[in-house]
Amino acid sequence: MGEKPDLLGVAYTSVASVPFDEAQLSSLLTWCREWNASVDVTGVLLHREGRFIQFLEGPERAVRDLVAKISRDPRHTRVRVLLDDPVAERQFAEWTMGFQALDDIESMPEGFRTSFDDLENGDDRILMQQAARDLTRWFRAGAAKSA
């Protein structure tokens, strides 16, 4: 049996260079899911008002290559890596790319962020890590309720 690859978890934020409509988001998600499955990457993508926060996890080389590709993608601006840490186990093993559009959520959970501004502009790495982890937990809880 081969050795288990080192897993890396990366979270980043970015701003769309032009607005994405529903069809464009759907197309992007289709591509992400197919690509991620082919390179053993899992994760979740959150979208709100033209801003993205994405969590990726998988073999270190595949995740780093994907983040570099996203950073060069002209559809993204102001790409900022929030987390870049080894992970012992996947948090999103069942999703090649989970997705939630946050623009149309009717009832916000207590303490929910109404924007990603603090993630983009903050300089405090601990704050950014906690915010990213909070969003991850919220998304996973919501996905479990709807399953």
C-alpha atoms as a PDB file:
ATOM      1  CA  MET A   1       0.000   0.000   0.000  1.00  0.00           C
ATOM      2  CA  GLY A   2       1.234   3.486  -0.805  1.00  0.00           C
ATOM      3  CA  GLU A   3       1.913   6.082   1.835  1.00  0.00           C
ATOM      4  CA  LYS A   4      -0.971   8.461   2.545  1.00  0.00           C
ATOM      5  CA  PRO A   5      -0.200  11.876   1.001  1.00  0.00           C
ATOM      6  CA  ASP A   6       0.258  14.899   3.244  1.00  0.00           C
ATOM      7  CA  LEU A   7      -2.994  16.828   3.325  1.00  0.00           C
ATOM      8  CA  LEU A   8      -3.075  20.606   3.155  1.00  0.00           C
ATOM      9  CA  GLY A   9      -5.967  22.906   3.992  1.00  0.00           C
ATOM     10  CA  VAL A  10      -6.130  26.374   2.441  1.00  0.00           C
ATOM     11  CA  ALA A  11      -8.770  29.058   2.846  1.00  0.00           C
ATOM     12  CA  TYR A  12      -8.753  32.214   0.751  1.00  0.00           C
ATOM     13  CA  THR A  13     -10.957  35.149  -0.102  1.00  0.00           C
ATOM     14  CA  SER A  14     -11.260  36.894  -3.430  1.00  0.00           C
ATOM     15  CA  VAL A  15     -13.420  39.443  -5.183  1.00  0.00           C
ATOM     16  CA  ALA A  16     -14.979  38.732  -8.565  1.00  0.00           C
ATOM     17  CA  SER A  17     -13.593  41.010 -11.281  1.00  0.00           C
ATOM     18  CA  VAL A  18     -17.096  41.111 -12.803  1.00  0.00           C
ATOM     19  CA  PRO A  19     -20.381  40.010 -11.196  1.00  0.00           C
ATOM     20  CA  PHE A  20     -21.286  36.327 -11.504  1.00  0.00           C
ATOM     21  CA  ASP A  21     -24.889  35.520 -12.363  1.00  0.00           C
ATOM     22  CA  GLU A  22     -26.519  32.230 -11.374  1.00  0.00           C
ATOM     23  CA  ALA A  23     -25.658  30.524 -14.677  1.00  0.00           C
ATOM     24  CA  GLN A  24     -21.998  31.563 -14.413  1.00  0.00           C
ATOM     25  CA  LEU A  25     -21.794  30.315 -10.826  1.00  0.00           C
ATOM     26  CA  SER A  26     -23.366  27.028 -11.875  1.00  0.00           C
ATOM     27  CA  SER A  27     -20.854  26.658 -14.701  1.00  0.00           C
ATOM     28  CA  LEU A  28     -17.969  27.482 -12.361  1.00  0.00           C
ATOM     29  CA  LEU A  29     -19.180  24.912  -9.834  1.00  0.00           C
ATOM     30  CA  THR A  30     -19.491  22.203 -12.503  1.00  0.00           C
ATOM     31  CA  TRP A  31     -15.914  22.838 -13.584  1.00  0.00           C
ATOM     32  CA  CYS A  32     -14.658  22.975  -9.957  1.00  0.00           C
ATOM     33  CA  ARG A  33     -16.314  19.701  -9.044  1.00  0.00           C
ATOM     34  CA  GLU A  34     -14.930  17.881 -12.077  1.00  0.00           C
ATOM     35  CA  TRP A  35     -11.420  19.310 -11.665  1.00  0.00           C
ATOM     36  CA  ASN A  36     -11.306  18.766  -7.920  1.00  0.00           C
ATOM     37  CA  ALA A  37     -12.417  15.145  -8.285  1.00  0.00           C
ATOM     38  CA  SER A  38      -9.641  14.555 -10.816  1.00  0.00           C
ATOM     39  CA  VAL A  39      -6.944  15.848  -8.412  1.00  0.00           C
ATOM     40  CA  ASP A  40      -8.456  14.543  -5.126  1.00  0.00           C
ATOM     41  CA  VAL A  41      -9.313  18.007  -3.760  1.00  0.00           C
ATOM     42  CA  THR A  42     -12.398  18.597  -1.628  1.00  0.00           C
ATOM     43  CA  GLY A  43     -13.824  21.785  -0.158  1.00  0.00           C
ATOM     44  CA  VAL A  44     -16.524  24.385   0.002  1.00  0.00           C
ATOM     45  CA  LEU A  45     -17.144  27.676  -1.807  1.00  0.00           C
ATOM     46  CA  LEU A  46     -19.151  30.514  -0.261  1.00  0.00           C
ATOM     47  CA  HIS A  47     -20.331  33.462  -2.362  1.00  0.00           C
ATOM     48  CA  ARG A  48     -21.850  36.763  -1.272  1.00  0.00           C
ATOM     49  CA  GLU A  49     -22.162  40.024  -3.175  1.00  0.00           C
ATOM     50  CA  GLY A  50     -19.325  39.290  -5.576  1.00  0.00           C
ATOM     51  CA  ARG A  51     -16.974  37.979  -2.907  1.00  0.00           C
ATOM     52  CA  PHE A  52     -15.794  34.439  -2.449  1.00  0.00           C
ATOM     53  CA  ILE A  53     -14.357  32.517   0.429  1.00  0.00           C
ATOM     54  CA  GLN A  54     -13.186  29.046  -0.408  1.00  0.00           C
ATOM     55  CA  PHE A  55     -11.798  26.194   1.667  1.00  0.00           C
ATOM     56  CA  LEU A  56      -9.727  23.618  -0.186  1.00  0.00           C
ATOM     57  CA  GLU A  57      -8.164  20.450   1.157  1.00  0.00           C
ATOM     58  CA  GLY A  58      -6.258  17.613  -0.393  1.00  0.00           C
ATOM     59  CA  PRO A  59      -2.780  16.513  -1.378  1.00  0.00           C
ATOM     60  CA  GLU A  60      -0.417  19.426  -0.775  1.00  0.00           C
ATOM     61  CA  ARG A  61       0.833  19.728  -4.360  1.00  0.00           C
ATOM     62  CA  ALA A  62      -2.687  19.617  -5.834  1.00  0.00           C
ATOM     63  CA  VAL A  63      -3.996  22.274  -3.425  1.00  0.00           C
ATOM     64  CA  ARG A  64      -1.005  24.583  -3.952  1.00  0.00           C
ATOM     65  CA  ASP A  65      -1.289  24.244  -7.735  1.00  0.00           C
ATOM     66  CA  LEU A  66      -5.018  25.013  -7.578  1.00  0.00           C
ATOM     67  CA  VAL A  67      -4.532  28.093  -5.396  1.00  0.00           C
ATOM     68  CA  ALA A  68      -1.859  29.348  -7.811  1.00  0.00           C
ATOM     69  CA  LYS A  69      -4.250  28.778 -10.727  1.00  0.00           C
ATOM     70  CA  ILE A  70      -7.034  30.682  -8.933  1.00  0.00           C
ATOM     71  CA  SER A  71      -4.624  33.544  -8.169  1.00  0.00           C
ATOM     72  CA  ARG A  72      -3.891  33.873 -11.900  1.00  0.00           C
ATOM     73  CA  ASP A  73      -7.552  33.573 -12.955  1.00  0.00           C
ATOM     74  CA  PRO A  74      -8.736  36.954 -14.317  1.00  0.00           C
ATOM     75  CA  ARG A  75     -12.203  36.350 -12.827  1.00  0.00           C
ATOM     76  CA  HIS A  76     -10.656  36.773  -9.354  1.00  0.00           C
ATOM     77  CA  THR A  77      -9.079  39.899  -7.874  1.00  0.00           C
ATOM     78  CA  ARG A  78      -7.607  40.587  -4.451  1.00  0.00           C
ATOM     79  CA  VAL A  79      -6.938  36.929  -3.689  1.00  0.00           C
ATOM     80  CA  ARG A  80      -5.848  36.639  -0.073  1.00  0.00           C
ATOM     81  CA  VAL A  81      -4.868  33.386   1.620  1.00  0.00           C
ATOM     82  CA  LEU A  82      -6.264  33.208   5.144  1.00  0.00           C
ATOM     83  CA  LEU A  83      -5.206  29.711   6.171  1.00  0.00           C
ATOM     84  CA  ASP A  84      -2.469  27.479   4.852  1.00  0.00           C
ATOM     85  CA  ASP A  85      -2.064  24.583   7.257  1.00  0.00           C
ATOM     86  CA  PRO A  86      -1.475  20.844   7.210  1.00  0.00           C
ATOM     87  CA  VAL A  87      -4.636  18.909   8.116  1.00  0.00           C
ATOM     88  CA  ALA A  88      -4.822  15.528   9.803  1.00  0.00           C
ATOM     89  CA  GLU A  89      -8.122  14.651   8.148  1.00  0.00           C
ATOM     90  CA  ARG A  90     -10.504  16.196   5.649  1.00  0.00           C
ATOM     91  CA  GLN A  91     -13.374  18.347   6.859  1.00  0.00           C
ATOM     92  CA  PHE A  92     -15.195  18.152   3.495  1.00  0.00           C
ATOM     93  CA  ALA A  93     -14.396  14.608   2.394  1.00  0.00           C
ATOM     94  CA  GLU A  94     -17.843  14.118   0.862  1.00  0.00           C
ATOM     95  CA  TRP A  95     -17.751  17.265  -1.294  1.00  0.00           C
ATOM     96  CA  THR A  96     -15.652  17.893  -4.385  1.00  0.00           C
ATOM     97  CA  MET A  97     -17.058  21.405  -3.925  1.00  0.00           C
ATOM     98  CA  GLY A  98     -19.869  22.257  -1.535  1.00  0.00           C
ATOM     99  CA  PHE A  99     -21.494  25.591  -2.340  1.00  0.00           C
ATOM    100  CA  GLN A 100     -23.711  28.166  -0.666  1.00  0.00           C
ATOM    101  CA  ALA A 101     -24.806  31.487  -2.135  1.00  0.00           C
ATOM    102  CA  LEU A 102     -25.101  33.694   0.917  1.00  0.00           C
ATOM    103  CA  ASP A 103     -26.999  36.488  -0.841  1.00  0.00           C
ATOM    104  CA  ASP A 104     -30.395  34.852  -0.526  1.00  0.00           C
ATOM    105  CA  ILE A 105     -30.373  33.459   3.003  1.00  0.00           C
ATOM    106  CA  GLU A 106     -33.506  34.669   4.769  1.00  0.00           C
ATOM    107  CA  SER A 107     -32.621  34.037   8.398  1.00  0.00           C
ATOM    108  CA  MET A 108     -29.068  34.592   9.489  1.00  0.00           C
ATOM    109  CA  PRO A 109     -27.802  32.500  12.394  1.00  0.00           C
ATOM    110  CA  GLU A 110     -26.770  34.338  15.551  1.00  0.00           C
ATOM    111  CA  GLY A 111     -23.332  35.880  15.140  1.00  0.00           C
ATOM    112  CA  PHE A 112     -23.361  35.415  11.353  1.00  0.00           C
ATOM    113  CA  ARG A 113     -21.114  37.720   9.380  1.00  0.00           C
ATOM    114  CA  THR A 114     -22.944  40.007   7.011  1.00  0.00           C
ATOM    115  CA  SER A 115     -19.804  40.517   4.927  1.00  0.00           C
ATOM    116  CA  PHE A 116     -16.303  39.176   4.417  1.00  0.00           C
ATOM    117  CA  ASP A 117     -14.750  42.631   4.896  1.00  0.00           C
ATOM    118  CA  ASP A 118     -12.914  41.724   8.092  1.00  0.00           C
ATOM    119  CA  LEU A 119     -11.363  38.714   6.373  1.00  0.00           C
ATOM    120  CA  GLU A 120     -10.103  40.811   3.499  1.00  0.00           C
ATOM    121  CA  ASN A 121      -8.835  43.845   5.360  1.00  0.00           C
ATOM    122  CA  GLY A 122      -7.782  42.499   8.749  1.00  0.00           C
ATOM    123  CA  ASP A 123      -4.139  42.053   9.577  1.00  0.00           C
ATOM    124  CA  ASP A 124      -4.645  39.808  12.577  1.00  0.00           C
ATOM    125  CA  ARG A 125      -3.973  36.238  11.401  1.00  0.00           C
ATOM    126  CA  ILE A 126      -5.606  34.716  14.492  1.00  0.00           C
ATOM    127  CA  LEU A 127      -8.823  36.669  13.827  1.00  0.00           C
ATOM    128  CA  MET A 128      -8.813  35.553  10.198  1.00  0.00           C
ATOM    129  CA  GLN A 129      -8.245  31.916  11.131  1.00  0.00           C
ATOM    130  CA  GLN A 130     -11.080  31.977  13.653  1.00  0.00           C
ATOM    131  CA  ALA A 131     -13.436  33.705  11.215  1.00  0.00           C
ATOM    132  CA  ALA A 132     -12.640  31.146   8.518  1.00  0.00           C
ATOM    133  CA  ARG A 133     -13.218  28.267  10.941  1.00  0.00           C
ATOM    134  CA  ASP A 134     -16.510  29.831  12.129  1.00  0.00           C
ATOM    135  CA  LEU A 135     -17.777  30.039   8.557  1.00  0.00           C
ATOM    136  CA  THR A 136     -16.767  26.436   7.943  1.00  0.00           C
ATOM    137  CA  ARG A 137     -18.631  25.192  11.013  1.00  0.00           C
ATOM    138  CA  TRP A 138     -21.719  27.225  10.089  1.00  0.00           C
ATOM    139  CA  PHE A 139     -21.753  25.860   6.537  1.00  0.00           C
ATOM    140  CA  ARG A 140     -21.314  22.258   7.668  1.00  0.00           C
ATOM    141  CA  ALA A 141     -24.115  22.631  10.252  1.00  0.00           C
ATOM    142  CA  GLY A 142     -26.459  24.059   7.628  1.00  0.00           C
ATOM    143  CA  ALA A 143     -25.607  21.308   5.154  1.00  0.00           C
ATOM    144  CA  ALA A 144     -26.276  18.636   7.784  1.00  0.00           C
ATOM    145  CA  LYS A 145     -29.742  20.131   8.503  1.00  0.00           C
ATOM    146  CA  SER A 146     -30.701  20.139   4.828  1.00  0.00           C
ATOM    147  CA  ALA A 147     -29.490  16.563   4.209  1.00  0.00           C
END
